[in-house]
Amino acid sequence: MLATALLGLSACKSAAVEETTEPEQEDWMPDESLEPEATPVATVAPETQAPAMSEEEALEKAKQTYVAAEGLASEGQWTAALSLYEEAYQLVPGKHGFALKVAKAAEETGDCSKAIVYYDHYVKYAVEDKYAESRASAEAEATKLRADGCQ
């Protein structure tokens, strides 16, 4: 019985080898478009991920983060303030005033590229009538940074 199983196994192996053919061209490459899409691997197990926050919770957390950032900024700790301002803005991206704070903190840390991005973002998305003065100021700051050679 063992001999029969082994003979059957070797027959399968030889059949598989016979079906394999070499490509006709030496520079042949497989067609990757026929491959199935890769499924992204989660970096955190689903059971350990934090549940999504409601809008009210996100706004409250953003306010707390903003207050902490303001405290750090008032002490001249711009690098720490920058990350908190960014966190606050990511929590409530519709609050474009946070973008203005990110821009100022980025400018203070010497990251003029980031400052320009956030100043431009503020100018583009802040309500024109309501924030005309701060939009003009942000636009002037971005223009000044570009004139100083920052891109």
N, C-alpha and C. Protein backbone atom coordinates (compact mmCIF):
# COMPACT_ATOMS: atom_id res chain seq x y z
N MET A 1 0.82 -1.18 0.00
CA MET A 1 0.00 0.00 0.00
C MET A 1 0.87 1.26 0.00
N LEU A 2 1.93 1.25 0.84
CA LEU A 2 2.85 2.37 0.87
C LEU A 2 3.52 2.55 -0.48
N ALA A 3 3.89 1.43 -1.09
CA ALA A 3 4.55 1.49 -2.39
C ALA A 3 3.61 2.10 -3.43
N THR A 4 2.34 1.74 -3.36
CA THR A 4 1.36 2.28 -4.31
C THR A 4 1.20 3.77 -4.13
N ALA A 5 1.16 4.23 -2.88
CA ALA A 5 1.04 5.66 -2.61
C ALA A 5 2.25 6.41 -3.11
N LEU A 6 3.44 5.85 -2.88
CA LEU A 6 4.66 6.51 -3.35
C LEU A 6 4.72 6.57 -4.86
N LEU A 7 4.30 5.48 -5.51
CA LEU A 7 4.28 5.47 -6.97
C LEU A 7 3.31 6.52 -7.50
N GLY A 8 2.16 6.63 -6.85
CA GLY A 8 1.18 7.64 -7.25
C GLY A 8 1.72 9.04 -7.07
N LEU A 9 2.47 9.25 -5.97
CA LEU A 9 3.07 10.55 -5.70
C LEU A 9 4.09 10.90 -6.75
N SER A 10 4.96 9.92 -7.12
CA SER A 10 5.95 10.24 -8.13
C SER A 10 5.31 10.47 -9.48
N ALA A 11 4.20 9.82 -9.76
CA ALA A 11 3.50 10.05 -11.02
C ALA A 11 2.97 11.47 -11.06
N CYS A 12 2.44 11.96 -9.92
CA CYS A 12 1.95 13.34 -9.85
C CYS A 12 3.07 14.33 -10.07
N LYS A 13 4.20 14.04 -9.43
CA LYS A 13 5.33 14.95 -9.57
C LYS A 13 5.81 15.01 -11.00
N SER A 14 5.94 13.86 -11.65
CA SER A 14 6.43 13.87 -13.01
C SER A 14 5.44 14.52 -13.96
N ALA A 15 4.15 14.37 -13.69
CA ALA A 15 3.14 15.01 -14.53
C ALA A 15 3.22 16.52 -14.39
N ALA A 16 3.46 16.99 -13.15
CA ALA A 16 3.57 18.42 -12.92
C ALA A 16 4.79 18.99 -13.63
N VAL A 17 5.88 18.24 -13.64
CA VAL A 17 7.10 18.70 -14.30
C VAL A 17 6.89 18.75 -15.80
N GLU A 18 6.19 17.78 -16.34
CA GLU A 18 5.96 17.75 -17.77
C GLU A 18 5.10 18.92 -18.24
N GLU A 19 4.18 19.41 -17.38
CA GLU A 19 3.31 20.51 -17.77
C GLU A 19 4.02 21.85 -17.76
N THR A 20 5.11 21.96 -17.04
CA THR A 20 5.85 23.21 -16.96
C THR A 20 6.64 23.40 -18.25
N THR A 21 6.52 24.59 -18.83
CA THR A 21 7.27 24.88 -20.05
C THR A 21 8.11 26.12 -19.84
N GLU A 22 9.16 26.21 -20.57
CA GLU A 22 10.03 27.37 -20.51
C GLU A 22 9.47 28.46 -21.41
N PRO A 23 9.65 29.72 -21.07
CA PRO A 23 9.20 30.80 -21.95
C PRO A 23 9.96 30.75 -23.26
N GLU A 24 9.30 31.18 -24.33
CA GLU A 24 9.93 31.15 -25.64
C GLU A 24 11.02 32.20 -25.77
N GLN A 25 10.87 33.32 -25.09
CA GLN A 25 11.86 34.39 -25.17
C GLN A 25 12.66 34.43 -23.88
N GLU A 26 13.94 34.75 -24.00
CA GLU A 26 14.78 34.83 -22.80
C GLU A 26 14.45 36.03 -21.93
N ASP A 27 13.93 37.11 -22.52
CA ASP A 27 13.62 38.31 -21.74
C ASP A 27 12.15 38.36 -21.32
N TRP A 28 11.48 37.23 -21.33
CA TRP A 28 10.07 37.14 -20.96
C TRP A 28 9.87 37.56 -19.51
N MET A 29 8.82 38.34 -19.28
CA MET A 29 8.46 38.77 -17.93
C MET A 29 7.01 38.38 -17.70
N PRO A 30 6.68 37.99 -16.46
CA PRO A 30 5.28 37.65 -16.18
C PRO A 30 4.39 38.88 -16.28
N ASP A 31 3.13 38.68 -16.64
CA ASP A 31 2.16 39.76 -16.73
C ASP A 31 1.58 39.99 -15.34
N GLU A 32 2.10 41.01 -14.62
CA GLU A 32 1.68 41.26 -13.24
C GLU A 32 0.24 41.74 -13.15
N SER A 33 -0.31 42.20 -14.24
CA SER A 33 -1.70 42.65 -14.19
C SER A 33 -2.66 41.49 -13.96
N LEU A 34 -2.20 40.28 -14.20
CA LEU A 34 -3.04 39.10 -13.97
C LEU A 34 -2.98 38.62 -12.52
N GLU A 35 -2.07 39.17 -11.75
CA GLU A 35 -1.94 38.78 -10.35
C GLU A 35 -3.08 39.36 -9.54
N PRO A 36 -3.53 38.65 -8.50
CA PRO A 36 -4.59 39.21 -7.65
C PRO A 36 -4.06 40.38 -6.85
N GLU A 37 -4.96 41.33 -6.51
CA GLU A 37 -4.59 42.48 -5.71
C GLU A 37 -4.12 42.02 -4.34
N ALA A 38 -3.07 42.65 -3.84
CA ALA A 38 -2.58 42.33 -2.50
C ALA A 38 -3.53 42.94 -1.47
N THR A 39 -3.79 42.21 -0.46
CA THR A 39 -4.64 42.70 0.62
C THR A 39 -3.75 43.40 1.63
N PRO A 40 -4.02 44.68 1.96
CA PRO A 40 -3.17 45.37 2.93
C PRO A 40 -3.26 44.70 4.30
N VAL A 41 -2.13 44.69 4.95
CA VAL A 41 -2.07 44.09 6.28
C VAL A 41 -2.25 45.18 7.31
N ALA A 42 -3.16 44.98 8.23
CA ALA A 42 -3.38 45.97 9.29
C ALA A 42 -2.17 45.97 10.22
N THR A 43 -1.75 47.16 10.63
CA THR A 43 -0.61 47.26 11.53
C THR A 43 -1.02 47.08 12.98
N VAL A 44 -2.29 47.23 13.25
CA VAL A 44 -2.81 47.07 14.61
C VAL A 44 -3.97 46.09 14.53
N ALA A 45 -3.98 45.15 15.44
CA ALA A 45 -5.08 44.19 15.45
C ALA A 45 -6.39 44.92 15.66
N PRO A 46 -7.45 44.53 14.94
CA PRO A 46 -8.74 45.24 15.04
C PRO A 46 -9.25 45.36 16.47
N GLU A 47 -9.01 44.35 17.29
CA GLU A 47 -9.53 44.42 18.66
C GLU A 47 -8.78 45.43 19.52
N THR A 48 -7.60 45.88 19.07
CA THR A 48 -6.85 46.87 19.86
C THR A 48 -7.01 48.28 19.32
N GLN A 49 -7.67 48.46 18.18
CA GLN A 49 -7.87 49.79 17.62
C GLN A 49 -8.90 50.55 18.44
N ALA A 50 -8.65 51.83 18.59
CA ALA A 50 -9.59 52.67 19.32
C ALA A 50 -10.84 52.87 18.48
N PRO A 51 -11.99 52.88 19.11
CA PRO A 51 -13.21 53.13 18.35
C PRO A 51 -13.21 54.55 17.80
N ALA A 52 -13.89 54.73 16.69
CA ALA A 52 -13.96 56.06 16.08
C ALA A 52 -14.66 57.03 17.02
N MET A 53 -14.17 58.28 17.01
CA MET A 53 -14.76 59.31 17.86
C MET A 53 -15.93 59.96 17.15
N SER A 54 -16.87 60.41 17.92
CA SER A 54 -17.96 61.20 17.35
C SER A 54 -17.41 62.59 17.04
N GLU A 55 -18.16 63.37 16.30
CA GLU A 55 -17.71 64.73 15.97
C GLU A 55 -17.51 65.57 17.23
N GLU A 56 -18.42 65.40 18.19
CA GLU A 56 -18.32 66.15 19.45
C GLU A 56 -17.07 65.75 20.23
N GLU A 57 -16.79 64.45 20.27
CA GLU A 57 -15.60 63.97 20.98
C GLU A 57 -14.33 64.47 20.30
N ALA A 58 -14.31 64.43 18.96
CA ALA A 58 -13.15 64.92 18.22
C ALA A 58 -12.93 66.40 18.46
N LEU A 59 -14.02 67.17 18.47
CA LEU A 59 -13.92 68.61 18.71
C LEU A 59 -13.41 68.88 20.12
N GLU A 60 -13.90 68.16 21.10
CA GLU A 60 -13.45 68.35 22.48
C GLU A 60 -11.98 67.99 22.63
N LYS A 61 -11.55 66.88 22.02
CA LYS A 61 -10.14 66.50 22.09
C LYS A 61 -9.28 67.53 21.36
N ALA A 62 -9.75 68.03 20.24
CA ALA A 62 -9.01 69.05 19.49
C ALA A 62 -8.84 70.31 20.32
N LYS A 63 -9.90 70.71 21.04
CA LYS A 63 -9.82 71.90 21.89
C LYS A 63 -8.78 71.70 22.99
N GLN A 64 -8.79 70.54 23.63
CA GLN A 64 -7.81 70.26 24.68
C GLN A 64 -6.39 70.26 24.13
N THR A 65 -6.23 69.66 22.96
CA THR A 65 -4.92 69.61 22.32
C THR A 65 -4.46 71.01 21.94
N TYR A 66 -5.37 71.82 21.45
CA TYR A 66 -5.07 73.20 21.07
C TYR A 66 -4.63 74.01 22.29
N VAL A 67 -5.32 73.86 23.40
CA VAL A 67 -4.96 74.59 24.63
C VAL A 67 -3.55 74.20 25.07
N ALA A 68 -3.24 72.91 25.00
CA ALA A 68 -1.90 72.44 25.36
C ALA A 68 -0.85 73.03 24.40
N ALA A 69 -1.19 73.07 23.11
CA ALA A 69 -0.27 73.64 22.12
C ALA A 69 -0.04 75.13 22.37
N GLU A 70 -1.11 75.84 22.71
CA GLU A 70 -0.97 77.27 23.01
C GLU A 70 -0.04 77.49 24.20
N GLY A 71 -0.16 76.65 25.21
CA GLY A 71 0.72 76.76 26.37
C GLY A 71 2.18 76.56 25.99
N LEU A 72 2.44 75.54 25.17
CA LEU A 72 3.81 75.28 24.72
C LEU A 72 4.33 76.42 23.85
N ALA A 73 3.49 76.94 22.97
CA ALA A 73 3.89 78.04 22.10
C ALA A 73 4.23 79.28 22.92
N SER A 74 3.45 79.54 23.96
CA SER A 74 3.72 80.72 24.79
C SER A 74 5.05 80.60 25.54
N GLU A 75 5.51 79.36 25.72
CA GLU A 75 6.80 79.12 26.37
C GLU A 75 7.94 79.00 25.35
N GLY A 76 7.62 79.17 24.06
CA GLY A 76 8.64 79.08 23.02
C GLY A 76 8.99 77.67 22.62
N GLN A 77 8.20 76.71 23.03
CA GLN A 77 8.45 75.30 22.69
C GLN A 77 7.70 74.97 21.39
N TRP A 78 8.19 75.53 20.31
CA TRP A 78 7.49 75.49 19.04
C TRP A 78 7.44 74.09 18.42
N THR A 79 8.46 73.29 18.59
CA THR A 79 8.45 71.95 18.00
C THR A 79 7.33 71.11 18.62
N ALA A 80 7.22 71.13 19.94
CA ALA A 80 6.16 70.39 20.62
C ALA A 80 4.80 70.98 20.28
N ALA A 81 4.72 72.30 20.21
CA ALA A 81 3.45 72.95 19.88
C ALA A 81 3.02 72.58 18.46
N LEU A 82 3.97 72.53 17.55
CA LEU A 82 3.66 72.19 16.16
C LEU A 82 2.97 70.85 16.06
N SER A 83 3.49 69.84 16.72
CA SER A 83 2.86 68.52 16.61
C SER A 83 1.45 68.53 17.21
N LEU A 84 1.25 69.28 18.29
CA LEU A 84 -0.08 69.34 18.89
C LEU A 84 -1.06 70.13 18.01
N TYR A 85 -0.60 71.21 17.41
CA TYR A 85 -1.46 71.96 16.50
C TYR A 85 -1.89 71.06 15.33
N GLU A 86 -0.93 70.30 14.79
CA GLU A 86 -1.26 69.40 13.69
C GLU A 86 -2.26 68.34 14.14
N GLU A 87 -2.07 67.80 15.32
CA GLU A 87 -3.00 66.81 15.84
C GLU A 87 -4.41 67.40 15.96
N ALA A 88 -4.49 68.60 16.49
CA ALA A 88 -5.80 69.25 16.62
C ALA A 88 -6.44 69.45 15.26
N TYR A 89 -5.66 69.88 14.29
CA TYR A 89 -6.22 70.12 12.96
C TYR A 89 -6.67 68.83 12.29
N GLN A 90 -5.93 67.76 12.50
CA GLN A 90 -6.32 66.47 11.93
C GLN A 90 -7.61 65.95 12.55
N LEU A 91 -7.83 66.27 13.81
CA LEU A 91 -9.06 65.85 14.46
C LEU A 91 -10.29 66.55 13.89
N VAL A 92 -10.15 67.85 13.58
CA VAL A 92 -11.26 68.63 13.03
C VAL A 92 -10.75 69.48 11.86
N PRO A 93 -10.56 68.85 10.71
CA PRO A 93 -9.98 69.57 9.57
C PRO A 93 -10.84 70.72 9.06
N GLY A 94 -12.07 70.81 9.48
CA GLY A 94 -12.91 71.93 9.07
C GLY A 94 -12.62 73.20 9.84
N LYS A 95 -11.82 73.11 10.90
CA LYS A 95 -11.44 74.29 11.70
C LYS A 95 -10.12 74.82 11.13
N HIS A 96 -10.23 75.66 10.15
CA HIS A 96 -9.05 76.12 9.42
C HIS A 96 -8.16 77.05 10.23
N GLY A 97 -8.66 77.57 11.32
CA GLY A 97 -7.81 78.36 12.21
C GLY A 97 -6.66 77.53 12.75
N PHE A 98 -6.89 76.22 12.91
CA PHE A 98 -5.82 75.34 13.35
C PHE A 98 -4.71 75.28 12.29
N ALA A 99 -5.09 75.34 11.02
CA ALA A 99 -4.10 75.33 9.94
C ALA A 99 -3.20 76.55 10.04
N LEU A 100 -3.79 77.68 10.40
CA LEU A 100 -3.01 78.90 10.56
C LEU A 100 -2.01 78.74 11.72
N LYS A 101 -2.44 78.09 12.80
CA LYS A 101 -1.55 77.85 13.93
C LYS A 101 -0.42 76.89 13.55
N VAL A 102 -0.74 75.87 12.76
CA VAL A 102 0.30 74.94 12.29
C VAL A 102 1.32 75.71 11.46
N ALA A 103 0.84 76.59 10.58
CA ALA A 103 1.74 77.37 9.73
C ALA A 103 2.69 78.22 10.57
N LYS A 104 2.14 78.92 11.56
CA LYS A 104 2.98 79.79 12.41
C LYS A 104 4.01 78.97 13.18
N ALA A 105 3.58 77.84 13.75
CA ALA A 105 4.51 77.00 14.51
C ALA A 105 5.58 76.42 13.59
N ALA A 106 5.19 76.02 12.38
CA ALA A 106 6.16 75.49 11.42
C ALA A 106 7.18 76.56 11.06
N GLU A 107 6.71 77.78 10.86
CA GLU A 107 7.61 78.89 10.55
C GLU A 107 8.59 79.12 11.71
N GLU A 108 8.08 79.06 12.93
CA GLU A 108 8.93 79.27 14.11
C GLU A 108 9.99 78.17 14.27
N THR A 109 9.67 76.95 13.81
CA THR A 109 10.64 75.85 13.93
C THR A 109 11.61 75.82 12.76
N GLY A 110 11.37 76.69 11.76
CA GLY A 110 12.25 76.72 10.60
C GLY A 110 11.80 75.82 9.47
N ASP A 111 10.64 75.21 9.60
CA ASP A 111 10.11 74.35 8.53
C ASP A 111 9.26 75.21 7.60
N CYS A 112 9.95 75.98 6.76
CA CYS A 112 9.23 76.94 5.93
C CYS A 112 8.38 76.26 4.87
N SER A 113 8.76 75.09 4.41
CA SER A 113 7.95 74.38 3.42
C SER A 113 6.58 74.03 4.00
N LYS A 114 6.58 73.52 5.21
CA LYS A 114 5.32 73.17 5.87
C LYS A 114 4.53 74.44 6.15
N ALA A 115 5.21 75.48 6.55
CA ALA A 115 4.53 76.74 6.84
C ALA A 115 3.80 77.25 5.59
N ILE A 116 4.46 77.21 4.45
CA ILE A 116 3.85 77.67 3.21
C ILE A 116 2.62 76.82 2.88
N VAL A 117 2.74 75.51 3.01
CA VAL A 117 1.62 74.63 2.71
C VAL A 117 0.41 74.99 3.55
N TYR A 118 0.63 75.19 4.86
CA TYR A 118 -0.49 75.49 5.75
C TYR A 118 -1.01 76.92 5.59
N TYR A 119 -0.12 77.88 5.31
CA TYR A 119 -0.60 79.24 5.04
C TYR A 119 -1.48 79.22 3.79
N ASP A 120 -0.99 78.55 2.73
CA ASP A 120 -1.77 78.46 1.49
C ASP A 120 -3.11 77.76 1.73
N HIS A 121 -3.08 76.73 2.52
CA HIS A 121 -4.31 76.00 2.83
C HIS A 121 -5.31 76.91 3.54
N TYR A 122 -4.82 77.67 4.49
CA TYR A 122 -5.69 78.59 5.22
C TYR A 122 -6.30 79.62 4.28
N VAL A 123 -5.47 80.19 3.42
CA VAL A 123 -5.94 81.21 2.48
C VAL A 123 -7.02 80.62 1.56
N LYS A 124 -6.82 79.39 1.16
CA LYS A 124 -7.75 78.76 0.23
C LYS A 124 -9.09 78.40 0.89
N TYR A 125 -9.06 77.94 2.14
CA TYR A 125 -10.26 77.39 2.74
C TYR A 125 -10.94 78.23 3.82
N ALA A 126 -10.25 79.17 4.40
CA ALA A 126 -10.90 80.01 5.42
C ALA A 126 -11.95 80.89 4.75
N VAL A 127 -13.05 81.11 5.42
CA VAL A 127 -14.14 81.91 4.86
C VAL A 127 -13.63 83.32 4.56
N GLU A 128 -13.78 83.70 3.31
CA GLU A 128 -13.19 84.96 2.84
C GLU A 128 -13.71 86.18 3.58
N ASP A 129 -15.01 86.32 3.70
CA ASP A 129 -15.58 87.51 4.34
C ASP A 129 -15.26 87.57 5.82
N LYS A 130 -15.36 86.44 6.47
CA LYS A 130 -15.19 86.40 7.91
C LYS A 130 -13.73 86.56 8.35
N TYR A 131 -12.82 86.05 7.55
CA TYR A 131 -11.41 86.04 7.95
C TYR A 131 -10.52 86.80 6.96
N ALA A 132 -11.03 87.85 6.39
CA ALA A 132 -10.29 88.59 5.36
C ALA A 132 -8.92 89.07 5.85
N GLU A 133 -8.88 89.61 7.06
CA GLU A 133 -7.61 90.15 7.58
C GLU A 133 -6.58 89.04 7.82
N SER A 134 -6.99 87.95 8.45
CA SER A 134 -6.03 86.87 8.73
C SER A 134 -5.64 86.13 7.45
N ARG A 135 -6.55 86.08 6.48
CA ARG A 135 -6.21 85.47 5.19
C ARG A 135 -5.16 86.31 4.47
N ALA A 136 -5.33 87.62 4.51
CA ALA A 136 -4.36 88.52 3.87
C ALA A 136 -3.00 88.39 4.55
N SER A 137 -3.00 88.29 5.86
CA SER A 137 -1.76 88.13 6.61
C SER A 137 -1.08 86.79 6.28
N ALA A 138 -1.87 85.72 6.19
CA ALA A 138 -1.32 84.41 5.86
C ALA A 138 -0.74 84.40 4.45
N GLU A 139 -1.44 85.05 3.54
CA GLU A 139 -0.96 85.13 2.17
C GLU A 139 0.35 85.91 2.10
N ALA A 140 0.44 86.98 2.87
CA ALA A 140 1.66 87.79 2.91
C ALA A 140 2.83 86.98 3.49
N GLU A 141 2.55 86.19 4.54
CA GLU A 141 3.60 85.36 5.15
C GLU A 141 4.12 84.33 4.17
N ALA A 142 3.21 83.66 3.44
CA ALA A 142 3.61 82.66 2.46
C ALA A 142 4.44 83.31 1.35
N THR A 143 4.01 84.48 0.90
CA THR A 143 4.74 85.20 -0.14
C THR A 143 6.13 85.58 0.34
N LYS A 144 6.24 86.04 1.58
CA LYS A 144 7.53 86.41 2.17
C LYS A 144 8.45 85.19 2.25
N LEU A 145 7.92 84.06 2.70
CA LEU A 145 8.74 82.85 2.80
C LEU A 145 9.24 82.41 1.42
N ARG A 146 8.38 82.51 0.43
CA ARG A 146 8.81 82.15 -0.93
C ARG A 146 9.88 83.12 -1.42
N ALA A 147 9.71 84.40 -1.14
CA ALA A 147 10.69 85.42 -1.56
C ALA A 147 12.04 85.18 -0.88
N ASP A 148 11.99 84.61 0.33
CA ASP A 148 13.23 84.32 1.04
C ASP A 148 13.89 83.04 0.52
N GLY A 149 13.28 82.41 -0.47
CA GLY A 149 13.88 81.23 -1.09
C GLY A 149 13.35 79.90 -0.60
N CYS A 150 12.32 79.91 0.18
CA CYS A 150 11.76 78.66 0.66
C CYS A 150 10.75 78.14 -0.34
N GLN A 151 10.77 76.88 -0.58
CA GLN A 151 9.81 76.24 -1.48
C GLN A 151 9.27 75.07 -0.75
